[in-house]
Amino acid sequence: VKDVWTFARDTRSRDPNWKLVATEA
C-alpha cells in the first residue's frame, strides 16, 4: 500500500502531538 499523508501541528500550542490533515493514495 502506498500513501501520501500530511501531518500538521500548531507550533504555538503546548500540545506536542501532530495530527493527520490530508491523505491521498
PDB file of all heavy atoms in Angstrom:
ATOM      1  N   VAL A   1       0.856  -1.191   0.000  1.00  0.00           N
ATOM      2  CA  VAL A   1       0.000   0.000   0.000  1.00  0.00           C
ATOM      3  C   VAL A   1       0.889   1.236   0.000  1.00  0.00           C
ATOM      4  O   VAL A   1       1.814   1.357   0.818  1.00  0.00           O
ATOM      5  CB  VAL A   1      -0.929   0.021   1.241  1.00  0.00           C
ATOM      6  CG1 VAL A   1      -1.814   1.257   1.209  1.00  0.00           C
ATOM      7  CG2 VAL A   1      -1.762  -1.248   1.293  1.00  0.00           C
ATOM      8  N   LYS A   2       0.597   2.161  -0.902  1.00  0.00           N
ATOM      9  CA  LYS A   2       1.362   3.405  -0.982  1.00  0.00           C
ATOM     10  C   LYS A   2       0.444   4.586  -0.669  1.00  0.00           C
ATOM     11  O   LYS A   2      -0.598   4.753  -1.307  1.00  0.00           O
ATOM     12  CB  LYS A   2       1.981   3.578  -2.375  1.00  0.00           C
ATOM     13  CG  LYS A   2       2.981   2.485  -2.747  1.00  0.00           C
ATOM     14  CD  LYS A   2       3.519   2.694  -4.158  1.00  0.00           C
ATOM     15  CE  LYS A   2       4.501   1.589  -4.551  1.00  0.00           C
ATOM     16  NZ  LYS A   2       5.009   1.783  -5.926  1.00  0.00           N
ATOM     17  N   ASP A   3       0.841   5.376   0.301  1.00  0.00           N
ATOM     18  CA  ASP A   3       0.040   6.526   0.715  1.00  0.00           C
ATOM     19  C   ASP A   3       0.901   7.773   0.809  1.00  0.00           C
ATOM     20  O   ASP A   3       2.115   7.693   1.079  1.00  0.00           O
ATOM     21  CB  ASP A   3      -0.605   6.281   2.088  1.00  0.00           C
ATOM     22  CG  ASP A   3      -1.732   5.271   2.029  1.00  0.00           C
ATOM     23  OD1 ASP A   3      -2.679   5.488   1.248  1.00  0.00           O
ATOM     24  OD2 ASP A   3      -1.668   4.268   2.769  1.00  0.00           O
ATOM     25  N   VAL A   4       0.267   8.920   0.644  1.00  0.00           N
ATOM     26  CA  VAL A   4       0.911  10.205   0.878  1.00  0.00           C
ATOM     27  C   VAL A   4       0.076  10.917   1.938  1.00  0.00           C
ATOM     28  O   VAL A   4      -1.073  11.295   1.670  1.00  0.00           O
ATOM     29  CB  VAL A   4       0.982  11.061  -0.409  1.00  0.00           C
ATOM     30  CG1 VAL A   4       1.587  12.431  -0.088  1.00  0.00           C
ATOM     31  CG2 VAL A   4       1.817  10.350  -1.465  1.00  0.00           C
ATOM     32  N   TRP A   5       0.645  11.049   3.122  1.00  0.00           N
ATOM     33  CA  TRP A   5      -0.086  11.621   4.254  1.00  0.00           C
ATOM     34  C   TRP A   5       0.609  12.894   4.736  1.00  0.00           C
ATOM     35  O   TRP A   5       1.847  12.956   4.775  1.00  0.00           O
ATOM     36  CB  TRP A   5      -0.166  10.623   5.418  1.00  0.00           C
ATOM     37  CG  TRP A   5      -1.173   9.528   5.207  1.00  0.00           C
ATOM     38  CD1 TRP A   5      -1.763   9.167   4.040  1.00  0.00           C
ATOM     39  CD2 TRP A   5      -1.678   8.653   6.215  1.00  0.00           C
ATOM     40  NE1 TRP A   5      -2.625   8.128   4.250  1.00  0.00           N
ATOM     41  CE2 TRP A   5      -2.599   7.783   5.562  1.00  0.00           C
ATOM     42  CE3 TRP A   5      -1.443   8.493   7.570  1.00  0.00           C
ATOM     43  CZ2 TRP A   5      -3.286   6.787   6.256  1.00  0.00           C
ATOM     44  CZ3 TRP A   5      -2.134   7.512   8.261  1.00  0.00           C
ATOM     45  CH2 TRP A   5      -3.048   6.663   7.610  1.00  0.00           C
ATOM     46  N   THR A   6      -0.194  13.854   5.114  1.00  0.00           N
ATOM     47  CA  THR A   6       0.337  15.112   5.645  1.00  0.00           C
ATOM     48  C   THR A   6      -0.097  15.292   7.091  1.00  0.00           C
ATOM     49  O   THR A   6      -1.285  15.200   7.410  1.00  0.00           O
ATOM     50  CB  THR A   6      -0.151  16.318   4.814  1.00  0.00           C
ATOM     51  OG1 THR A   6       0.290  16.172   3.463  1.00  0.00           O
ATOM     52  CG2 THR A   6       0.418  17.623   5.387  1.00  0.00           C
ATOM     53  N   PHE A   7       0.884  15.537   7.937  1.00  0.00           N
ATOM     54  CA  PHE A   7       0.626  15.790   9.351  1.00  0.00           C
ATOM     55  C   PHE A   7       0.897  17.267   9.640  1.00  0.00           C
ATOM     56  O   PHE A   7       1.760  17.892   9.021  1.00  0.00           O
ATOM     57  CB  PHE A   7       1.524  14.927  10.233  1.00  0.00           C
ATOM     58  CG  PHE A   7       1.220  13.455  10.174  1.00  0.00           C
ATOM     59  CD1 PHE A   7       1.791  12.646   9.187  1.00  0.00           C
ATOM     60  CD2 PHE A   7       0.373  12.875  11.098  1.00  0.00           C
ATOM     61  CE1 PHE A   7       1.504  11.298   9.125  1.00  0.00           C
ATOM     62  CE2 PHE A   7       0.085  11.505  11.048  1.00  0.00           C
ATOM     63  CZ  PHE A   7       0.648  10.715  10.063  1.00  0.00           C
ATOM     64  N   ALA A   8       0.178  17.805  10.606  1.00  0.00           N
ATOM     65  CA  ALA A   8       0.345  19.224  10.944  1.00  0.00           C
ATOM     66  C   ALA A   8       0.282  19.427  12.449  1.00  0.00           C
ATOM     67  O   ALA A   8      -0.318  18.630  13.191  1.00  0.00           O
ATOM     68  CB  ALA A   8      -0.719  20.075  10.254  1.00  0.00           C
ATOM     69  N   ARG A   9       0.902  20.531  12.875  1.00  0.00           N
ATOM     70  CA  ARG A   9       0.894  20.898  14.285  1.00  0.00           C
ATOM     71  C   ARG A   9       1.053  22.406  14.411  1.00  0.00           C
ATOM     72  O   ARG A   9       1.874  23.005  13.710  1.00  0.00           O
ATOM     73  CB  ARG A   9       2.031  20.212  15.043  1.00  0.00           C
ATOM     74  CG  ARG A   9       2.158  20.656  16.492  1.00  0.00           C
ATOM     75  CD  ARG A   9       3.329  19.984  17.209  1.00  0.00           C
ATOM     76  NE  ARG A   9       3.456  20.517  18.548  1.00  0.00           N
ATOM     77  CZ  ARG A   9       4.160  21.592  18.864  1.00  0.00           C
ATOM     78  NH1 ARG A   9       4.844  22.226  17.936  1.00  0.00           N
ATOM     79  NH2 ARG A   9       4.200  22.029  20.110  1.00  0.00           N
ATOM     80  N   ASP A  10       0.259  23.014  15.307  1.00  0.00           N
ATOM     81  CA  ASP A  10       0.397  24.440  15.593  1.00  0.00           C
ATOM     82  C   ASP A  10       1.588  24.611  16.530  1.00  0.00           C
ATOM     83  O   ASP A  10       1.549  24.142  17.675  1.00  0.00           O
ATOM     84  CB  ASP A  10      -0.878  24.990  16.240  1.00  0.00           C
ATOM     85  CG  ASP A  10      -0.853  26.516  16.362  1.00  0.00           C
ATOM     86  OD1 ASP A  10       0.248  27.099  16.282  1.00  0.00           O
ATOM     87  OD2 ASP A  10      -1.926  27.115  16.558  1.00  0.00           O
ATOM     88  N   THR A  11       2.640  25.249  16.063  1.00  0.00           N
ATOM     89  CA  THR A  11       3.866  25.374  16.862  1.00  0.00           C
ATOM     90  C   THR A  11       3.695  26.283  18.080  1.00  0.00           C
ATOM     91  O   THR A  11       4.543  26.291  18.962  1.00  0.00           O
ATOM     92  CB  THR A  11       5.017  25.920  15.992  1.00  0.00           C
ATOM     93  OG1 THR A  11       4.626  27.190  15.435  1.00  0.00           O
ATOM     94  CG2 THR A  11       5.344  24.950  14.872  1.00  0.00           C
ATOM     95  N   ARG A  12       2.595  27.043  18.119  1.00  0.00           N
ATOM     96  CA  ARG A  12       2.343  27.891  19.288  1.00  0.00           C
ATOM     97  C   ARG A  12       1.625  27.143  20.393  1.00  0.00           C
ATOM     98  O   ARG A  12       1.533  27.625  21.518  1.00  0.00           O
ATOM     99  CB  ARG A  12       1.518  29.107  18.886  1.00  0.00           C
ATOM    100  CG  ARG A  12       2.196  30.057  17.905  1.00  0.00           C
ATOM    101  CD  ARG A  12       1.283  31.191  17.507  1.00  0.00           C
ATOM    102  NE  ARG A  12       0.017  30.683  16.949  1.00  0.00           N
ATOM    103  CZ  ARG A  12      -0.959  31.456  16.482  1.00  0.00           C
ATOM    104  NH1 ARG A  12      -0.817  32.777  16.511  1.00  0.00           N
ATOM    105  NH2 ARG A  12      -2.058  30.919  15.994  1.00  0.00           N
ATOM    106  N   SER A  13       1.107  25.970  20.064  1.00  0.00           N
ATOM    107  CA  SER A  13       0.338  25.192  21.031  1.00  0.00           C
ATOM    108  C   SER A  13       1.246  24.415  21.961  1.00  0.00           C
ATOM    109  O   SER A  13       2.331  23.980  21.584  1.00  0.00           O
ATOM    110  CB  SER A  13      -0.588  24.218  20.289  1.00  0.00           C
ATOM    111  OG  SER A  13      -1.228  23.343  21.190  1.00  0.00           O
ATOM    112  N   ARG A  14       0.789  24.227  23.187  1.00  0.00           N
ATOM    113  CA  ARG A  14       1.539  23.414  24.147  1.00  0.00           C
ATOM    114  C   ARG A  14       1.372  21.923  23.870  1.00  0.00           C
ATOM    115  O   ARG A  14       2.122  21.104  24.380  1.00  0.00           O
ATOM    116  CB  ARG A  14       1.069  23.728  25.568  1.00  0.00           C
ATOM    117  CG  ARG A  14       1.413  25.143  26.036  1.00  0.00           C
ATOM    118  CD  ARG A  14       0.986  25.352  27.480  1.00  0.00           C
ATOM    119  NE  ARG A  14       1.331  26.685  27.954  1.00  0.00           N
ATOM    120  CZ  ARG A  14       1.071  27.127  29.180  1.00  0.00           C
ATOM    121  NH1 ARG A  14       0.450  26.335  30.048  1.00  0.00           N
ATOM    122  NH2 ARG A  14       1.434  28.345  29.537  1.00  0.00           N
ATOM    123  N   ASP A  15       0.374  21.595  23.062  1.00  0.00           N
ATOM    124  CA  ASP A  15       0.142  20.200  22.692  1.00  0.00           C
ATOM    125  C   ASP A  15       1.222  19.767  21.701  1.00  0.00           C
ATOM    126  O   ASP A  15       1.324  20.318  20.606  1.00  0.00           O
ATOM    127  CB  ASP A  15      -1.247  20.066  22.047  1.00  0.00           C
ATOM    128  CG  ASP A  15      -1.592  18.612  21.723  1.00  0.00           C
ATOM    129  OD1 ASP A  15      -0.736  17.732  21.925  1.00  0.00           O
ATOM    130  OD2 ASP A  15      -2.729  18.363  21.270  1.00  0.00           O
ATOM    131  N   PRO A  16       2.041  18.791  22.068  1.00  0.00           N
ATOM    132  CA  PRO A  16       3.155  18.388  21.191  1.00  0.00           C
ATOM    133  C   PRO A  16       2.733  17.447  20.067  1.00  0.00           C
ATOM    134  O   PRO A  16       3.549  17.114  19.198  1.00  0.00           O
ATOM    135  CB  PRO A  16       4.107  17.686  22.156  1.00  0.00           C
ATOM    136  CG  PRO A  16       3.183  17.055  23.158  1.00  0.00           C
ATOM    137  CD  PRO A  16       2.045  18.046  23.337  1.00  0.00           C
ATOM    138  N   ASN A  17       1.476  17.006  20.069  1.00  0.00           N
ATOM    139  CA  ASN A  17       1.034  15.994  19.117  1.00  0.00           C
ATOM    140  C   ASN A  17       0.734  16.570  17.735  1.00  0.00           C
ATOM    141  O   ASN A  17       0.204  17.664  17.602  1.00  0.00           O
ATOM    142  CB  ASN A  17      -0.222  15.282  19.649  1.00  0.00           C
ATOM    143  CG  ASN A  17       0.061  14.525  20.928  1.00  0.00           C
ATOM    144  OD1 ASN A  17       1.081  13.864  21.050  1.00  0.00           O
ATOM    145  ND2 ASN A  17      -0.831  14.626  21.894  1.00  0.00           N
ATOM    146  N   TRP A  18       1.092  15.775  16.730  1.00  0.00           N
ATOM    147  CA  TRP A  18       0.783  16.097  15.341  1.00  0.00           C
ATOM    148  C   TRP A  18      -0.491  15.353  14.952  1.00  0.00           C
ATOM    149  O   TRP A  18      -0.772  14.276  15.467  1.00  0.00           O
ATOM    150  CB  TRP A  18       1.916  15.657  14.427  1.00  0.00           C
ATOM    151  CG  TRP A  18       3.195  16.406  14.619  1.00  0.00           C
ATOM    152  CD1 TRP A  18       4.040  16.331  15.687  1.00  0.00           C
ATOM    153  CD2 TRP A  18       3.786  17.344  13.709  1.00  0.00           C
ATOM    154  NE1 TRP A  18       5.115  17.166  15.507  1.00  0.00           N
ATOM    155  CE2 TRP A  18       4.988  17.796  14.299  1.00  0.00           C
ATOM    156  CE3 TRP A  18       3.426  17.836  12.459  1.00  0.00           C
ATOM    157  CZ2 TRP A  18       5.815  18.716  13.679  1.00  0.00           C
ATOM    158  CZ3 TRP A  18       4.246  18.753  11.825  1.00  0.00           C
ATOM    159  CH2 TRP A  18       5.430  19.190  12.435  1.00  0.00           C
ATOM    160  N   LYS A  19      -1.256  15.924  14.020  1.00  0.00           N
ATOM    161  CA  LYS A  19      -2.478  15.269  13.556  1.00  0.00           C
ATOM    162  C   LYS A  19      -2.472  15.145  12.039  1.00  0.00           C
ATOM    163  O   LYS A  19      -1.910  15.990  11.329  1.00  0.00           O
ATOM    164  CB  LYS A  19      -3.709  16.045  14.025  1.00  0.00           C
ATOM    165  CG  LYS A  19      -3.932  15.964  15.536  1.00  0.00           C
ATOM    166  CD  LYS A  19      -5.298  16.501  15.954  1.00  0.00           C
ATOM    167  CE  LYS A  19      -5.531  16.285  17.433  1.00  0.00           C
ATOM    168  NZ  LYS A  19      -6.896  16.717  17.854  1.00  0.00           N
ATOM    169  N   LEU A  20      -3.117  14.085  11.572  1.00  0.00           N
ATOM    170  CA  LEU A  20      -3.221  13.866  10.136  1.00  0.00           C
ATOM    171  C   LEU A  20      -4.224  14.859   9.556  1.00  0.00           C
ATOM    172  O   LEU A  20      -5.381  14.915   9.996  1.00  0.00           O
ATOM    173  CB  LEU A  20      -3.672  12.427   9.884  1.00  0.00           C
ATOM    174  CG  LEU A  20      -3.849  12.012   8.422  1.00  0.00           C
ATOM    175  CD1 LEU A  20      -2.526  12.040   7.688  1.00  0.00           C
ATOM    176  CD2 LEU A  20      -4.467  10.607   8.354  1.00  0.00           C
ATOM    177  N   VAL A  21      -3.780  15.635   8.547  1.00  0.00           N
ATOM    178  CA  VAL A  21      -4.666  16.671   7.988  1.00  0.00           C
ATOM    179  C   VAL A  21      -5.013  16.402   6.521  1.00  0.00           C
ATOM    180  O   VAL A  21      -5.915  17.055   5.978  1.00  0.00           O
ATOM    181  CB  VAL A  21      -4.032  18.068   8.124  1.00  0.00           C
ATOM    182  CG1 VAL A  21      -3.857  18.428   9.602  1.00  0.00           C
ATOM    183  CG2 VAL A  21      -2.694  18.150   7.386  1.00  0.00           C
ATOM    184  N   ALA A  22      -4.307  15.470   5.881  1.00  0.00           N
ATOM    185  CA  ALA A  22      -4.624  15.185   4.477  1.00  0.00           C
ATOM    186  C   ALA A  22      -4.099  13.802   4.104  1.00  0.00           C
ATOM    187  O   ALA A  22      -3.050  13.359   4.597  1.00  0.00           O
ATOM    188  CB  ALA A  22      -4.017  16.228   3.554  1.00  0.00           C
ATOM    189  N   THR A  23      -4.862  13.095   3.245  1.00  0.00           N
ATOM    190  CA  THR A  23      -4.432  11.780   2.774  1.00  0.00           C
ATOM    191  C   THR A  23      -4.706  11.665   1.281  1.00  0.00           C
ATOM    192  O   THR A  23      -5.657  12.249   0.754  1.00  0.00           O
ATOM    193  CB  THR A  23      -5.204  10.652   3.493  1.00  0.00           C
ATOM    194  OG1 THR A  23      -6.593  10.721   3.134  1.00  0.00           O
ATOM    195  CG2 THR A  23      -5.067  10.754   4.995  1.00  0.00           C
ATOM    196  N   GLU A  24      -3.863  10.886   0.629  1.00  0.00           N
ATOM    197  CA  GLU A  24      -4.107  10.564  -0.776  1.00  0.00           C
ATOM    198  C   GLU A  24      -3.326   9.306  -1.119  1.00  0.00           C
ATOM    199  O   GLU A  24      -2.301   8.988  -0.510  1.00  0.00           O
ATOM    200  CB  GLU A  24      -3.688  11.713  -1.707  1.00  0.00           C
ATOM    201  CG  GLU A  24      -2.227  12.071  -1.635  1.00  0.00           C
ATOM    202  CD  GLU A  24      -1.862  13.204  -2.603  1.00  0.00           C
ATOM    203  OE1 GLU A  24      -1.873  12.947  -3.818  1.00  0.00           O
ATOM    204  OE2 GLU A  24      -1.591  14.315  -2.117  1.00  0.00           O
ATOM    205  N   ALA A  25      -3.852   8.569  -2.066  1.00  0.00           N
ATOM    206  CA  ALA A  25      -3.192   7.346  -2.497  1.00  0.00           C
ATOM    207  C   ALA A  25      -2.083   7.700  -3.477  1.00  0.00           C
ATOM    208  O   ALA A  25      -2.226   8.614  -4.289  1.00  0.00           O
ATOM    209  CB  ALA A  25      -4.183   6.392  -3.135  1.00  0.00           C
TER     210      ALA A  25
END
